[in-house]
PDB file of all heavy atoms in Angstrom:
ATOM      1  N   GLU A   1       0.827  -1.206   0.000  1.00  0.00           N
ATOM      2  CA  GLU A   1       0.000   0.000   0.000  1.00  0.00           C
ATOM      3  C   GLU A   1       0.863   1.258   0.000  1.00  0.00           C
ATOM      4  O   GLU A   1       0.557   2.230  -0.694  1.00  0.00           O
ATOM      5  CB  GLU A   1      -0.935   0.006   1.208  1.00  0.00           C
ATOM      6  CG  GLU A   1      -2.072  -0.983   1.090  1.00  0.00           C
ATOM      7  CD  GLU A   1      -2.988  -0.927   2.294  1.00  0.00           C
ATOM      8  OE1 GLU A   1      -3.366   0.184   2.707  1.00  0.00           O
ATOM      9  OE2 GLU A   1      -3.311  -1.993   2.825  1.00  0.00           O
ATOM     10  N   ILE A   2       1.933   1.242   0.771  1.00  0.00           N
ATOM     11  CA  ILE A   2       2.838   2.394   0.805  1.00  0.00           C
ATOM     12  C   ILE A   2       3.442   2.620  -0.574  1.00  0.00           C
ATOM     13  O   ILE A   2       3.450   3.737  -1.088  1.00  0.00           O
ATOM     14  CB  ILE A   2       3.935   2.192   1.874  1.00  0.00           C
ATOM     15  CG1 ILE A   2       3.316   2.241   3.265  1.00  0.00           C
ATOM     16  CG2 ILE A   2       5.053   3.234   1.718  1.00  0.00           C
ATOM     17  CD1 ILE A   2       4.236   1.753   4.377  1.00  0.00           C
ATOM     18  N   TYR A   3       3.926   1.543  -1.187  1.00  0.00           N
ATOM     19  CA  TYR A   3       4.505   1.658  -2.523  1.00  0.00           C
ATOM     20  C   TYR A   3       3.467   2.171  -3.523  1.00  0.00           C
ATOM     21  O   TYR A   3       3.771   3.019  -4.361  1.00  0.00           O
ATOM     22  CB  TYR A   3       5.051   0.317  -3.004  1.00  0.00           C
ATOM     23  CG  TYR A   3       6.346  -0.109  -2.363  1.00  0.00           C
ATOM     24  CD1 TYR A   3       6.640  -1.456  -2.203  1.00  0.00           C
ATOM     25  CD2 TYR A   3       7.295   0.806  -1.932  1.00  0.00           C
ATOM     26  CE1 TYR A   3       7.831  -1.882  -1.640  1.00  0.00           C
ATOM     27  CE2 TYR A   3       8.490   0.401  -1.358  1.00  0.00           C
ATOM     28  CZ  TYR A   3       8.751  -0.940  -1.211  1.00  0.00           C
ATOM     29  OH  TYR A   3       9.931  -1.344  -0.657  1.00  0.00           O
ATOM     30  N   ALA A   4       2.265   1.653  -3.457  1.00  0.00           N
ATOM     31  CA  ALA A   4       1.223   2.071  -4.398  1.00  0.00           C
ATOM     32  C   ALA A   4       0.918   3.564  -4.250  1.00  0.00           C
ATOM     33  O   ALA A   4       0.778   4.274  -5.250  1.00  0.00           O
ATOM     34  CB  ALA A   4      -0.037   1.239  -4.194  1.00  0.00           C
ATOM     35  N   ARG A   5       0.845   4.044  -3.018  1.00  0.00           N
ATOM     36  CA  ARG A   5       0.595   5.468  -2.790  1.00  0.00           C
ATOM     37  C   ARG A   5       1.723   6.333  -3.342  1.00  0.00           C
ATOM     38  O   ARG A   5       1.499   7.480  -3.730  1.00  0.00           O
ATOM     39  CB  ARG A   5       0.389   5.757  -1.306  1.00  0.00           C
ATOM     40  CG  ARG A   5      -1.020   5.445  -0.846  1.00  0.00           C
ATOM     41  CD  ARG A   5      -1.255   5.918   0.569  1.00  0.00           C
ATOM     42  NE  ARG A   5      -1.546   4.724   1.354  1.00  0.00           N
ATOM     43  CZ  ARG A   5      -0.939   4.382   2.467  1.00  0.00           C
ATOM     44  NH1 ARG A   5      -0.007   5.129   2.991  1.00  0.00           N
ATOM     45  NH2 ARG A   5      -1.259   3.280   3.085  1.00  0.00           N
ATOM     46  N   GLN A   6       2.926   5.776  -3.367  1.00  0.00           N
ATOM     47  CA  GLN A   6       4.077   6.501  -3.898  1.00  0.00           C
ATOM     48  C   GLN A   6       4.183   6.380  -5.421  1.00  0.00           C
ATOM     49  O   GLN A   6       5.086   6.952  -6.030  1.00  0.00           O
ATOM     50  CB  GLN A   6       5.376   5.963  -3.276  1.00  0.00           C
ATOM     51  CG  GLN A   6       5.487   6.222  -1.802  1.00  0.00           C
ATOM     52  CD  GLN A   6       6.695   5.525  -1.183  1.00  0.00           C
ATOM     53  OE1 GLN A   6       7.263   4.586  -1.744  1.00  0.00           O
ATOM     54  NE2 GLN A   6       7.081   5.983  -0.001  1.00  0.00           N
ATOM     55  N   GLY A   7       3.273   5.621  -6.013  1.00  0.00           N
ATOM     56  CA  GLY A   7       3.315   5.408  -7.452  1.00  0.00           C
ATOM     57  C   GLY A   7       4.328   4.359  -7.879  1.00  0.00           C
ATOM     58  O   GLY A   7       4.612   4.213  -9.061  1.00  0.00           O
ATOM     59  N   ARG A   8       4.844   3.595  -6.932  1.00  0.00           N
ATOM     60  CA  ARG A   8       5.823   2.539  -7.218  1.00  0.00           C
ATOM     61  C   ARG A   8       5.057   1.231  -7.434  1.00  0.00           C
ATOM     62  O   ARG A   8       5.103   0.306  -6.637  1.00  0.00           O
ATOM     63  CB  ARG A   8       6.808   2.423  -6.051  1.00  0.00           C
ATOM     64  CG  ARG A   8       7.650   3.671  -5.870  1.00  0.00           C
ATOM     65  CD  ARG A   8       8.485   3.637  -4.625  1.00  0.00           C
ATOM     66  NE  ARG A   8       9.370   2.473  -4.583  1.00  0.00           N
ATOM     67  CZ  ARG A   8      10.137   2.180  -3.536  1.00  0.00           C
ATOM     68  NH1 ARG A   8      10.145   2.958  -2.460  1.00  0.00           N
ATOM     69  NH2 ARG A   8      10.906   1.111  -3.562  1.00  0.00           N
ATOM     70  N   TYR A   9       4.341   1.169  -8.544  1.00  0.00           N
ATOM     71  CA  TYR A   9       3.407   0.082  -8.782  1.00  0.00           C
ATOM     72  C   TYR A   9       4.063  -1.286  -8.936  1.00  0.00           C
ATOM     73  O   TYR A   9       3.514  -2.279  -8.471  1.00  0.00           O
ATOM     74  CB  TYR A   9       2.519   0.399  -9.988  1.00  0.00           C
ATOM     75  CG  TYR A   9       1.714   1.656  -9.787  1.00  0.00           C
ATOM     76  CD1 TYR A   9       1.812   2.718 -10.678  1.00  0.00           C
ATOM     77  CD2 TYR A   9       0.877   1.788  -8.687  1.00  0.00           C
ATOM     78  CE1 TYR A   9       1.077   3.878 -10.488  1.00  0.00           C
ATOM     79  CE2 TYR A   9       0.149   2.944  -8.488  1.00  0.00           C
ATOM     80  CZ  TYR A   9       0.257   3.989  -9.387  1.00  0.00           C
ATOM     81  OH  TYR A   9      -0.457   5.137  -9.186  1.00  0.00           O
ATOM     82  N   ASP A  10       5.221  -1.350  -9.561  1.00  0.00           N
ATOM     83  CA  ASP A  10       5.889  -2.647  -9.701  1.00  0.00           C
ATOM     84  C   ASP A  10       6.314  -3.192  -8.338  1.00  0.00           C
ATOM     85  O   ASP A  10       6.163  -4.382  -8.062  1.00  0.00           O
ATOM     86  CB  ASP A  10       7.094  -2.537 -10.640  1.00  0.00           C
ATOM     87  CG  ASP A  10       6.673  -2.296 -12.082  1.00  0.00           C
ATOM     88  OD1 ASP A  10       5.582  -2.752 -12.472  1.00  0.00           O
ATOM     89  OD2 ASP A  10       7.451  -1.652 -12.812  1.00  0.00           O
ATOM     90  N   ASP A  11       6.818  -2.305  -7.477  1.00  0.00           N
ATOM     91  CA  ASP A  11       7.188  -2.728  -6.120  1.00  0.00           C
ATOM     92  C   ASP A  11       5.948  -3.146  -5.336  1.00  0.00           C
ATOM     93  O   ASP A  11       5.968  -4.131  -4.589  1.00  0.00           O
ATOM     94  CB  ASP A  11       7.918  -1.606  -5.378  1.00  0.00           C
ATOM     95  CG  ASP A  11       9.268  -1.275  -5.983  1.00  0.00           C
ATOM     96  OD1 ASP A  11       9.927  -2.200  -6.516  1.00  0.00           O
ATOM     97  OD2 ASP A  11       9.681  -0.111  -5.921  1.00  0.00           O
ATOM     98  N   ALA A  12       4.875  -2.394  -5.510  1.00  0.00           N
ATOM     99  CA  ALA A  12       3.620  -2.718  -4.824  1.00  0.00           C
ATOM    100  C   ALA A  12       3.120  -4.093  -5.257  1.00  0.00           C
ATOM    101  O   ALA A  12       2.727  -4.914  -4.416  1.00  0.00           O
ATOM    102  CB  ALA A  12       2.565  -1.654  -5.111  1.00  0.00           C
ATOM    103  N   LEU A  13       3.148  -4.348  -6.562  1.00  0.00           N
ATOM    104  CA  LEU A  13       2.693  -5.649  -7.066  1.00  0.00           C
ATOM    105  C   LEU A  13       3.503  -6.790  -6.473  1.00  0.00           C
ATOM    106  O   LEU A  13       2.942  -7.821  -6.091  1.00  0.00           O
ATOM    107  CB  LEU A  13       2.784  -5.699  -8.593  1.00  0.00           C
ATOM    108  CG  LEU A  13       1.655  -5.035  -9.349  1.00  0.00           C
ATOM    109  CD1 LEU A  13       1.951  -5.025 -10.843  1.00  0.00           C
ATOM    110  CD2 LEU A  13       0.331  -5.709  -9.075  1.00  0.00           C
ATOM    111  N   ALA A  14       4.804  -6.607  -6.370  1.00  0.00           N
ATOM    112  CA  ALA A  14       5.655  -7.651  -5.806  1.00  0.00           C
ATOM    113  C   ALA A  14       5.243  -7.959  -4.367  1.00  0.00           C
ATOM    114  O   ALA A  14       5.153  -9.129  -3.968  1.00  0.00           O
ATOM    115  CB  ALA A  14       7.120  -7.239  -5.868  1.00  0.00           C
ATOM    116  N   GLU A  15       4.977  -6.923  -3.587  1.00  0.00           N
ATOM    117  CA  GLU A  15       4.565  -7.132  -2.188  1.00  0.00           C
ATOM    118  C   GLU A  15       3.185  -7.782  -2.111  1.00  0.00           C
ATOM    119  O   GLU A  15       2.961  -8.693  -1.307  1.00  0.00           O
ATOM    120  CB  GLU A  15       4.570  -5.803  -1.425  1.00  0.00           C
ATOM    121  CG  GLU A  15       5.948  -5.231  -1.208  1.00  0.00           C
ATOM    122  CD  GLU A  15       6.859  -6.110  -0.386  1.00  0.00           C
ATOM    123  OE1 GLU A  15       6.393  -6.816   0.535  1.00  0.00           O
ATOM    124  OE2 GLU A  15       8.080  -6.080  -0.649  1.00  0.00           O
ATOM    125  N   PHE A  16       2.255  -7.331  -2.950  1.00  0.00           N
ATOM    126  CA  PHE A  16       0.915  -7.911  -2.940  1.00  0.00           C
ATOM    127  C   PHE A  16       0.953  -9.385  -3.361  1.00  0.00           C
ATOM    128  O   PHE A  16       0.225 -10.210  -2.811  1.00  0.00           O
ATOM    129  CB  PHE A  16      -0.037  -7.121  -3.842  1.00  0.00           C
ATOM    130  CG  PHE A  16      -0.305  -5.721  -3.356  1.00  0.00           C
ATOM    131  CD1 PHE A  16      -0.482  -4.688  -4.261  1.00  0.00           C
ATOM    132  CD2 PHE A  16      -0.403  -5.428  -2.004  1.00  0.00           C
ATOM    133  CE1 PHE A  16      -0.742  -3.402  -3.833  1.00  0.00           C
ATOM    134  CE2 PHE A  16      -0.656  -4.138  -1.555  1.00  0.00           C
ATOM    135  CZ  PHE A  16      -0.831  -3.119  -2.477  1.00  0.00           C
ATOM    136  N   GLU A  17       1.814  -9.706  -4.316  1.00  0.00           N
ATOM    137  CA  GLU A  17       1.934 -11.099  -4.754  1.00  0.00           C
ATOM    138  C   GLU A  17       2.545 -11.966  -3.653  1.00  0.00           C
ATOM    139  O   GLU A  17       2.147 -13.121  -3.469  1.00  0.00           O
ATOM    140  CB  GLU A  17       2.733 -11.173  -6.047  1.00  0.00           C
ATOM    141  CG  GLU A  17       1.924 -10.647  -7.225  1.00  0.00           C
ATOM    142  CD  GLU A  17       2.725 -10.394  -8.483  1.00  0.00           C
ATOM    143  OE1 GLU A  17       3.975 -10.510  -8.453  1.00  0.00           O
ATOM    144  OE2 GLU A  17       2.093 -10.055  -9.505  1.00  0.00           O
ATOM    145  N   ARG A  18       3.485 -11.422  -2.887  1.00  0.00           N
ATOM    146  CA  ARG A  18       4.030 -12.158  -1.740  1.00  0.00           C
ATOM    147  C   ARG A  18       2.933 -12.412  -0.711  1.00  0.00           C
ATOM    148  O   ARG A  18       2.830 -13.497  -0.139  1.00  0.00           O
ATOM    149  CB  ARG A  18       5.175 -11.382  -1.099  1.00  0.00           C
ATOM    150  CG  ARG A  18       6.451 -11.432  -1.887  1.00  0.00           C
ATOM    151  CD  ARG A  18       7.586 -10.707  -1.149  1.00  0.00           C
ATOM    152  NE  ARG A  18       8.727 -10.563  -1.998  1.00  0.00           N
ATOM    153  CZ  ARG A  18       9.078  -9.430  -2.633  1.00  0.00           C
ATOM    154  NH1 ARG A  18       8.367  -8.325  -2.467  1.00  0.00           N
ATOM    155  NH2 ARG A  18      10.135  -9.404  -3.398  1.00  0.00           N
ATOM    156  N   SER A  19       2.134 -11.386  -0.474  1.00  0.00           N
ATOM    157  CA  SER A  19       1.029 -11.521   0.475  1.00  0.00           C
ATOM    158  C   SER A  19       0.041 -12.579   0.005  1.00  0.00           C
ATOM    159  O   SER A  19      -0.413 -13.414   0.796  1.00  0.00           O
ATOM    160  CB  SER A  19       0.320 -10.178   0.639  1.00  0.00           C
ATOM    161  OG  SER A  19      -0.781 -10.312   1.492  1.00  0.00           O
ATOM    162  N   LEU A  20      -0.283 -12.552  -1.283  1.00  0.00           N
ATOM    163  CA  LEU A  20      -1.206 -13.542  -1.842  1.00  0.00           C
ATOM    164  C   LEU A  20      -0.666 -14.954  -1.627  1.00  0.00           C
ATOM    165  O   LEU A  20      -1.397 -15.840  -1.171  1.00  0.00           O
ATOM    166  CB  LEU A  20      -1.439 -13.266  -3.324  1.00  0.00           C
ATOM    167  CG  LEU A  20      -2.307 -14.274  -4.069  1.00  0.00           C
ATOM    168  CD1 LEU A  20      -3.703 -14.344  -3.482  1.00  0.00           C
ATOM    169  CD2 LEU A  20      -2.359 -13.916  -5.555  1.00  0.00           C
ATOM    170  N   ALA A  21       0.599 -15.161  -1.927  1.00  0.00           N
ATOM    171  CA  ALA A  21       1.197 -16.490  -1.763  1.00  0.00           C
ATOM    172  C   ALA A  21       1.144 -16.948  -0.311  1.00  0.00           C
ATOM    173  O   ALA A  21       0.801 -18.104  -0.027  1.00  0.00           O
ATOM    174  CB  ALA A  21       2.638 -16.474  -2.267  1.00  0.00           C
ATOM    175  N   GLN A  22       1.443 -16.053   0.616  1.00  0.00           N
ATOM    176  CA  GLN A  22       1.395 -16.398   2.044  1.00  0.00           C
ATOM    177  C   GLN A  22      -0.009 -16.799   2.457  1.00  0.00           C
ATOM    178  O   GLN A  22      -0.209 -17.784   3.162  1.00  0.00           O
ATOM    179  CB  GLN A  22       1.804 -15.196   2.907  1.00  0.00           C
ATOM    180  CG  GLN A  22       3.260 -15.001   3.074  1.00  0.00           C
ATOM    181  CD  GLN A  22       3.541 -13.817   3.995  1.00  0.00           C
ATOM    182  OE1 GLN A  22       2.722 -12.912   4.155  1.00  0.00           O
ATOM    183  NE2 GLN A  22       4.709 -13.838   4.601  1.00  0.00           N
ATOM    184  N   ARG A  23      -0.968 -16.018   2.035  1.00  0.00           N
ATOM    185  CA  ARG A  23      -2.356 -16.267   2.437  1.00  0.00           C
ATOM    186  C   ARG A  23      -2.907 -17.538   1.797  1.00  0.00           C
ATOM    187  O   ARG A  23      -3.702 -18.237   2.414  1.00  0.00           O
ATOM    188  CB  ARG A  23      -3.205 -15.040   2.122  1.00  0.00           C
ATOM    189  CG  ARG A  23      -2.848 -13.886   3.040  1.00  0.00           C
ATOM    190  CD  ARG A  23      -3.204 -12.537   2.475  1.00  0.00           C
ATOM    191  NE  ARG A  23      -2.590 -11.488   3.252  1.00  0.00           N
ATOM    192  CZ  ARG A  23      -3.242 -10.764   4.166  1.00  0.00           C
ATOM    193  NH1 ARG A  23      -4.509 -10.987   4.410  1.00  0.00           N
ATOM    194  NH2 ARG A  23      -2.607  -9.825   4.828  1.00  0.00           N
ATOM    195  N   GLU A  24      -2.472 -17.818   0.560  1.00  0.00           N
ATOM    196  CA  GLU A  24      -2.891 -19.069  -0.074  1.00  0.00           C
ATOM    197  C   GLU A  24      -2.307 -20.260   0.685  1.00  0.00           C
ATOM    198  O   GLU A  24      -3.018 -21.243   0.925  1.00  0.00           O
ATOM    199  CB  GLU A  24      -2.443 -19.098  -1.538  1.00  0.00           C
ATOM    200  CG  GLU A  24      -3.273 -18.213  -2.433  1.00  0.00           C
ATOM    201  CD  GLU A  24      -2.762 -18.142  -3.860  1.00  0.00           C
ATOM    202  OE1 GLU A  24      -1.556 -18.376  -4.103  1.00  0.00           O
ATOM    203  OE2 GLU A  24      -3.583 -17.822  -4.738  1.00  0.00           O
ATOM    204  N   ARG A  25      -1.035 -20.184   1.048  1.00  0.00           N
ATOM    205  CA  ARG A  25      -0.415 -21.288   1.812  1.00  0.00           C
ATOM    206  C   ARG A  25      -1.103 -21.500   3.150  1.00  0.00           C
ATOM    207  O   ARG A  25      -1.249 -22.622   3.614  1.00  0.00           O
ATOM    208  CB  ARG A  25       1.079 -21.001   2.045  1.00  0.00           C
ATOM    209  CG  ARG A  25       1.950 -21.270   0.849  1.00  0.00           C
ATOM    210  CD  ARG A  25       3.427 -21.247   1.207  1.00  0.00           C
ATOM    211  NE  ARG A  25       3.869 -20.007   1.815  1.00  0.00           N
ATOM    212  CZ  ARG A  25       4.287 -18.929   1.150  1.00  0.00           C
ATOM    213  NH1 ARG A  25       4.314 -18.945  -0.175  1.00  0.00           N
ATOM    214  NH2 ARG A  25       4.680 -17.848   1.789  1.00  0.00           N
ATOM    215  N   ALA A  26      -1.539 -20.407   3.769  1.00  0.00           N
ATOM    216  CA  ALA A  26      -2.180 -20.490   5.081  1.00  0.00           C
ATOM    217  C   ALA A  26      -3.660 -20.871   4.982  1.00  0.00           C
ATOM    218  O   ALA A  26      -4.293 -21.142   5.996  1.00  0.00           O
ATOM    219  CB  ALA A  26      -2.037 -19.155   5.811  1.00  0.00           C
ATOM    220  N   GLY A  27      -4.195 -20.876   3.760  1.00  0.00           N
ATOM    221  CA  GLY A  27      -5.607 -21.226   3.581  1.00  0.00           C
ATOM    222  C   GLY A  27      -6.555 -20.146   4.079  1.00  0.00           C
ATOM    223  O   GLY A  27      -7.685 -20.440   4.452  1.00  0.00           O
ATOM    224  N   LYS A  28      -6.109 -18.897   4.063  1.00  0.00           N
ATOM    225  CA  LYS A  28      -6.936 -17.787   4.548  1.00  0.00           C
ATOM    226  C   LYS A  28      -7.694 -17.166   3.372  1.00  0.00           C
ATOM    227  O   LYS A  28      -7.206 -16.259   2.704  1.00  0.00           O
ATOM    228  CB  LYS A  28      -6.067 -16.752   5.241  1.00  0.00           C
ATOM    229  CG  LYS A  28      -5.410 -17.303   6.483  1.00  0.00           C
ATOM    230  CD  LYS A  28      -4.654 -16.250   7.232  1.00  0.00           C
ATOM    231  CE  LYS A  28      -4.092 -16.866   8.502  1.00  0.00           C
ATOM    232  NZ  LYS A  28      -3.447 -15.878   9.338  1.00  0.00           N
ATOM    233  N   GLU A  29      -8.901 -17.663   3.135  1.00  0.00           N
ATOM    234  CA  GLU A  29      -9.673 -17.279   1.958  1.00  0.00           C
ATOM    235  C   GLU A  29      -9.992 -15.787   1.919  1.00  0.00           C
ATOM    236  O   GLU A  29      -9.894 -15.166   0.863  1.00  0.00           O
ATOM    237  CB  GLU A  29     -10.959 -18.105   1.877  1.00  0.00           C
ATOM    238  CG  GLU A  29     -11.702 -17.946   0.572  1.00  0.00           C
ATOM    239  CD  GLU A  29     -10.863 -18.303  -0.648  1.00  0.00           C
ATOM    240  OE1 GLU A  29     -10.090 -19.268  -0.590  1.00  0.00           O
ATOM    241  OE2 GLU A  29     -10.975 -17.601  -1.667  1.00  0.00           O
ATOM    242  N   VAL A  30     -10.358 -15.204   3.041  1.00  0.00           N
ATOM    243  CA  VAL A  30     -10.650 -13.768   3.054  1.00  0.00           C
ATOM    244  C   VAL A  30      -9.387 -12.990   2.709  1.00  0.00           C
ATOM    245  O   VAL A  30      -9.418 -12.050   1.912  1.00  0.00           O
ATOM    246  CB  VAL A  30     -11.227 -13.326   4.420  1.00  0.00           C
ATOM    247  CG1 VAL A  30     -11.336 -11.811   4.500  1.00  0.00           C
ATOM    248  CG2 VAL A  30     -12.579 -13.967   4.652  1.00  0.00           C
ATOM    249  N   GLY A  31      -8.271 -13.383   3.284  1.00  0.00           N
ATOM    250  CA  GLY A  31      -7.003 -12.733   2.984  1.00  0.00           C
ATOM    251  C   GLY A  31      -6.607 -12.874   1.528  1.00  0.00           C
ATOM    252  O   GLY A  31      -6.043 -11.953   0.933  1.00  0.00           O
ATOM    253  N   VAL A  32      -6.905 -14.023   0.946  1.00  0.00           N
ATOM    254  CA  VAL A  32      -6.621 -14.249  -0.477  1.00  0.00           C
ATOM    255  C   VAL A  32      -7.418 -13.261  -1.320  1.00  0.00           C
ATOM    256  O   VAL A  32      -6.887 -12.626  -2.231  1.00  0.00           O
ATOM    257  CB  VAL A  32      -6.926 -15.709  -0.895  1.00  0.00           C
ATOM    258  CG1 VAL A  32      -6.954 -15.869  -2.396  1.00  0.00           C
ATOM    259  CG2 VAL A  32      -5.914 -16.655  -0.268  1.00  0.00           C
ATOM    260  N   ARG A  33      -8.705 -13.099  -0.997  1.00  0.00           N
ATOM    261  CA  ARG A  33      -9.548 -12.158  -1.755  1.00  0.00           C
ATOM    262  C   ARG A  33      -9.044 -10.725  -1.618  1.00  0.00           C
ATOM    263  O   ARG A  33      -9.035  -9.963  -2.582  1.00  0.00           O
ATOM    264  CB  ARG A  33     -10.999 -12.264  -1.304  1.00  0.00           C
ATOM    265  CG  ARG A  33     -11.688 -13.499  -1.852  1.00  0.00           C
ATOM    266  CD  ARG A  33     -13.188 -13.418  -1.701  1.00  0.00           C
ATOM    267  NE  ARG A  33     -13.613 -13.201  -0.333  1.00  0.00           N
ATOM    268  CZ  ARG A  33     -13.991 -14.165   0.498  1.00  0.00           C
ATOM    269  NH1 ARG A  33     -14.024 -15.414   0.096  1.00  0.00           N
ATOM    270  NH2 ARG A  33     -14.359 -13.887   1.725  1.00  0.00           N
TER     271      ARG A  33
END
């Protein structure tokens, strides 16, 4: 979110994708969404 607010979209995407992977591994469906 910080990166996105700064307009650093590629960095933001990398962090969001890491978050997605973590939440998928943990089986946290709300977090995945």
